[in-house]
Amino acid sequence: MAKVEIYTKAFCPYCSRAMRLLTAKGAEVEEIDITMGGPRRAEMLARANGRTTVPQIFVGDRHVGGSDDLADLDRAGELDALLA
């Protein structure tokens, strides 16, 4: 399975939705909590081309985007192949 990283914040419903979908797909997810900001938030901004919202999801070297982008990939039938 591909490496999955997701930048999240506490109490974020979109983060929870993305985590549920990834978990349902059997993905092993590294969750990076940026609630308090800091260097990991700066890392996310650099990797996500300045996008400031959470979640920001990465599968392997690919920036998937946010929760809606992840759901769109799943609806299009592309998420399983990406996670493989």
N, C-alpha and C. Protein backbone atom coordinates (compact mmCIF):
# COMPACT_ATOMS: atom_id res chain seq x y z
N MET A 1 0.83 -1.20 0.00
CA MET A 1 0.00 0.00 0.00
C MET A 1 0.86 1.25 0.00
N ALA A 2 0.37 2.28 -0.63
CA ALA A 2 1.08 3.54 -0.72
C ALA A 2 1.11 4.24 0.64
N LYS A 3 2.14 5.04 0.84
CA LYS A 3 2.25 5.83 2.06
C LYS A 3 1.24 6.97 2.00
N VAL A 4 0.44 7.12 3.06
CA VAL A 4 -0.57 8.16 3.12
C VAL A 4 -0.28 9.06 4.31
N GLU A 5 -0.21 10.36 4.04
CA GLU A 5 -0.03 11.35 5.10
C GLU A 5 -1.17 12.34 5.03
N ILE A 6 -1.69 12.71 6.19
CA ILE A 6 -2.80 13.66 6.24
C ILE A 6 -2.54 14.66 7.36
N TYR A 7 -2.56 15.93 6.98
CA TYR A 7 -2.41 17.02 7.94
C TYR A 7 -3.80 17.37 8.44
N THR A 8 -3.97 17.39 9.77
CA THR A 8 -5.28 17.61 10.38
C THR A 8 -5.20 18.63 11.50
N LYS A 9 -6.39 19.04 11.95
CA LYS A 9 -6.53 19.86 13.15
C LYS A 9 -7.62 19.22 14.01
N ALA A 10 -7.54 19.46 15.31
CA ALA A 10 -8.54 18.92 16.24
C ALA A 10 -9.93 19.46 15.88
N PHE A 11 -10.91 18.60 16.05
CA PHE A 11 -12.33 18.95 15.88
C PHE A 11 -12.69 19.34 14.44
N CYS A 12 -11.91 18.91 13.48
CA CYS A 12 -12.17 19.23 12.07
C CYS A 12 -13.03 18.11 11.47
N PRO A 13 -14.29 18.41 11.10
CA PRO A 13 -15.15 17.36 10.55
C PRO A 13 -14.67 16.84 9.19
N TYR A 14 -14.05 17.69 8.40
CA TYR A 14 -13.54 17.25 7.10
C TYR A 14 -12.36 16.30 7.28
N CYS A 15 -11.56 16.56 8.29
CA CYS A 15 -10.43 15.67 8.61
C CYS A 15 -10.96 14.30 9.02
N SER A 16 -11.98 14.31 9.87
CA SER A 16 -12.58 13.05 10.33
C SER A 16 -13.16 12.27 9.16
N ARG A 17 -13.83 12.97 8.25
CA ARG A 17 -14.44 12.31 7.09
C ARG A 17 -13.37 11.67 6.22
N ALA A 18 -12.27 12.39 5.98
CA ALA A 18 -11.18 11.84 5.16
C ALA A 18 -10.54 10.65 5.85
N MET A 19 -10.33 10.74 7.16
CA MET A 19 -9.74 9.63 7.90
C MET A 19 -10.63 8.39 7.84
N ARG A 20 -11.94 8.59 7.97
CA ARG A 20 -12.87 7.45 7.89
C ARG A 20 -12.78 6.75 6.54
N LEU A 21 -12.74 7.54 5.47
CA LEU A 21 -12.67 6.95 4.13
C LEU A 21 -11.36 6.19 3.94
N LEU A 22 -10.26 6.80 4.34
CA LEU A 22 -8.96 6.14 4.18
C LEU A 22 -8.88 4.87 5.02
N THR A 23 -9.40 4.92 6.22
CA THR A 23 -9.39 3.74 7.09
C THR A 23 -10.27 2.63 6.51
N ALA A 24 -11.42 3.01 5.96
CA ALA A 24 -12.31 2.03 5.34
C ALA A 24 -11.64 1.35 4.14
N LYS A 25 -10.74 2.06 3.49
CA LYS A 25 -10.01 1.51 2.34
C LYS A 25 -8.83 0.66 2.78
N GLY A 26 -8.56 0.61 4.10
CA GLY A 26 -7.47 -0.20 4.61
C GLY A 26 -6.12 0.48 4.55
N ALA A 27 -6.11 1.78 4.33
CA ALA A 27 -4.84 2.51 4.22
C ALA A 27 -4.23 2.72 5.61
N GLU A 28 -2.92 2.63 5.67
CA GLU A 28 -2.20 3.00 6.88
C GLU A 28 -1.89 4.48 6.74
N VAL A 29 -2.41 5.27 7.67
CA VAL A 29 -2.36 6.72 7.55
C VAL A 29 -1.48 7.31 8.64
N GLU A 30 -0.56 8.17 8.24
CA GLU A 30 0.20 8.96 9.21
C GLU A 30 -0.53 10.28 9.36
N GLU A 31 -1.10 10.50 10.53
CA GLU A 31 -1.83 11.73 10.80
C GLU A 31 -0.89 12.74 11.44
N ILE A 32 -0.84 13.93 10.86
CA ILE A 32 0.05 14.98 11.35
C ILE A 32 -0.84 16.12 11.85
N ASP A 33 -0.92 16.26 13.17
CA ASP A 33 -1.79 17.26 13.80
C ASP A 33 -1.10 18.61 13.82
N ILE A 34 -1.71 19.59 13.14
CA ILE A 34 -1.13 20.93 13.10
C ILE A 34 -2.02 21.94 13.83
N THR A 35 -2.80 21.47 14.79
CA THR A 35 -3.70 22.34 15.54
C THR A 35 -2.97 23.53 16.13
N MET A 36 -1.79 23.29 16.66
CA MET A 36 -1.03 24.35 17.32
C MET A 36 -0.05 25.04 16.38
N GLY A 37 -0.13 24.76 15.11
CA GLY A 37 0.77 25.40 14.13
C GLY A 37 2.16 24.80 14.20
N GLY A 38 3.16 25.66 14.14
CA GLY A 38 4.54 25.21 14.26
C GLY A 38 5.15 24.76 12.95
N PRO A 39 6.30 24.09 13.05
CA PRO A 39 7.04 23.71 11.84
C PRO A 39 6.30 22.72 10.94
N ARG A 40 5.46 21.89 11.51
CA ARG A 40 4.71 20.94 10.66
C ARG A 40 3.68 21.66 9.81
N ARG A 41 3.11 22.77 10.32
CA ARG A 41 2.18 23.57 9.52
C ARG A 41 2.93 24.21 8.36
N ALA A 42 4.11 24.73 8.64
CA ALA A 42 4.93 25.33 7.58
C ALA A 42 5.29 24.28 6.53
N GLU A 43 5.56 23.06 6.99
CA GLU A 43 5.85 21.95 6.08
C GLU A 43 4.65 21.68 5.18
N MET A 44 3.45 21.67 5.77
CA MET A 44 2.23 21.43 4.99
C MET A 44 2.05 22.52 3.94
N LEU A 45 2.23 23.78 4.34
CA LEU A 45 2.07 24.89 3.40
C LEU A 45 3.00 24.74 2.20
N ALA A 46 4.24 24.34 2.47
CA ALA A 46 5.21 24.16 1.39
C ALA A 46 4.82 23.01 0.48
N ARG A 47 4.41 21.91 1.07
CA ARG A 47 4.06 20.72 0.28
C ARG A 47 2.76 20.90 -0.49
N ALA A 48 1.82 21.68 0.09
CA ALA A 48 0.49 21.85 -0.51
C ALA A 48 0.39 23.13 -1.33
N ASN A 49 1.53 23.65 -1.76
CA ASN A 49 1.55 24.85 -2.59
C ASN A 49 0.77 26.02 -1.99
N GLY A 50 0.92 26.19 -0.66
CA GLY A 50 0.31 27.33 0.01
C GLY A 50 -1.12 27.13 0.46
N ARG A 51 -1.70 25.98 0.20
CA ARG A 51 -3.08 25.74 0.67
C ARG A 51 -3.08 25.68 2.19
N THR A 52 -3.99 26.42 2.81
CA THR A 52 -3.98 26.57 4.27
C THR A 52 -5.05 25.75 4.98
N THR A 53 -6.00 25.20 4.24
CA THR A 53 -7.09 24.46 4.88
C THR A 53 -6.66 23.04 5.19
N VAL A 54 -7.36 22.44 6.13
CA VAL A 54 -7.13 21.03 6.45
C VAL A 54 -8.42 20.27 6.17
N PRO A 55 -8.29 19.01 5.85
CA PRO A 55 -7.04 18.27 5.75
C PRO A 55 -6.32 18.55 4.42
N GLN A 56 -5.04 18.28 4.44
CA GLN A 56 -4.25 18.20 3.21
C GLN A 56 -3.72 16.78 3.17
N ILE A 57 -3.98 16.09 2.07
CA ILE A 57 -3.73 14.66 1.97
C ILE A 57 -2.70 14.39 0.89
N PHE A 58 -1.75 13.51 1.23
CA PHE A 58 -0.70 13.10 0.30
C PHE A 58 -0.69 11.58 0.25
N VAL A 59 -0.69 11.06 -0.97
CA VAL A 59 -0.57 9.61 -1.19
C VAL A 59 0.71 9.42 -2.00
N GLY A 60 1.69 8.79 -1.37
CA GLY A 60 3.00 8.71 -1.99
C GLY A 60 3.52 10.13 -2.16
N ASP A 61 3.97 10.47 -3.35
CA ASP A 61 4.46 11.82 -3.63
C ASP A 61 3.37 12.72 -4.20
N ARG A 62 2.17 12.21 -4.34
CA ARG A 62 1.08 12.98 -4.95
C ARG A 62 0.28 13.75 -3.91
N HIS A 63 0.09 15.02 -4.16
CA HIS A 63 -0.79 15.84 -3.32
C HIS A 63 -2.21 15.65 -3.83
N VAL A 64 -3.03 14.99 -3.03
CA VAL A 64 -4.42 14.72 -3.41
C VAL A 64 -5.27 15.97 -3.21
N GLY A 65 -5.01 16.70 -2.15
CA GLY A 65 -5.81 17.88 -1.82
C GLY A 65 -6.53 17.66 -0.51
N GLY A 66 -7.79 18.11 -0.45
CA GLY A 66 -8.57 18.01 0.78
C GLY A 66 -9.56 16.87 0.76
N SER A 67 -10.47 16.92 1.71
CA SER A 67 -11.47 15.87 1.88
C SER A 67 -12.37 15.72 0.66
N ASP A 68 -12.82 16.83 0.09
CA ASP A 68 -13.67 16.75 -1.10
C ASP A 68 -12.92 16.15 -2.28
N ASP A 69 -11.64 16.51 -2.42
CA ASP A 69 -10.83 15.96 -3.51
C ASP A 69 -10.67 14.44 -3.35
N LEU A 70 -10.47 14.00 -2.10
CA LEU A 70 -10.35 12.58 -1.82
C LEU A 70 -11.65 11.84 -2.17
N ALA A 71 -12.77 12.42 -1.75
CA ALA A 71 -14.07 11.82 -2.06
C ALA A 71 -14.32 11.77 -3.56
N ASP A 72 -13.92 12.81 -4.28
CA ASP A 72 -14.06 12.83 -5.73
C ASP A 72 -13.27 11.70 -6.39
N LEU A 73 -12.04 11.48 -5.90
CA LEU A 73 -11.22 10.37 -6.42
C LEU A 73 -11.91 9.04 -6.19
N ASP A 74 -12.51 8.88 -5.01
CA ASP A 74 -13.20 7.63 -4.69
C ASP A 74 -14.40 7.44 -5.60
N ARG A 75 -15.20 8.49 -5.78
CA ARG A 75 -16.39 8.39 -6.66
C ARG A 75 -16.01 8.08 -8.10
N ALA A 76 -14.86 8.59 -8.52
CA ALA A 76 -14.40 8.35 -9.89
C ALA A 76 -13.76 6.98 -10.05
N GLY A 77 -13.62 6.23 -8.95
CA GLY A 77 -13.03 4.91 -9.00
C GLY A 77 -11.51 4.92 -9.11
N GLU A 78 -10.89 6.04 -8.76
CA GLU A 78 -9.44 6.17 -8.89
C GLU A 78 -8.69 6.00 -7.57
N LEU A 79 -9.38 6.07 -6.45
CA LEU A 79 -8.70 6.05 -5.16
C LEU A 79 -8.05 4.69 -4.86
N ASP A 80 -8.76 3.61 -5.13
CA ASP A 80 -8.20 2.29 -4.84
C ASP A 80 -6.88 2.06 -5.55
N ALA A 81 -6.81 2.43 -6.81
CA ALA A 81 -5.56 2.26 -7.57
C ALA A 81 -4.45 3.13 -7.02
N LEU A 82 -4.80 4.33 -6.60
CA LEU A 82 -3.82 5.25 -6.05
C LEU A 82 -3.25 4.71 -4.74
N LEU A 83 -4.10 4.08 -3.94
CA LEU A 83 -3.66 3.56 -2.65
C LEU A 83 -2.89 2.24 -2.77
N ALA A 84 -3.04 1.54 -3.88
CA ALA A 84 -2.41 0.23 -4.05
C ALA A 84 -0.90 0.32 -4.08
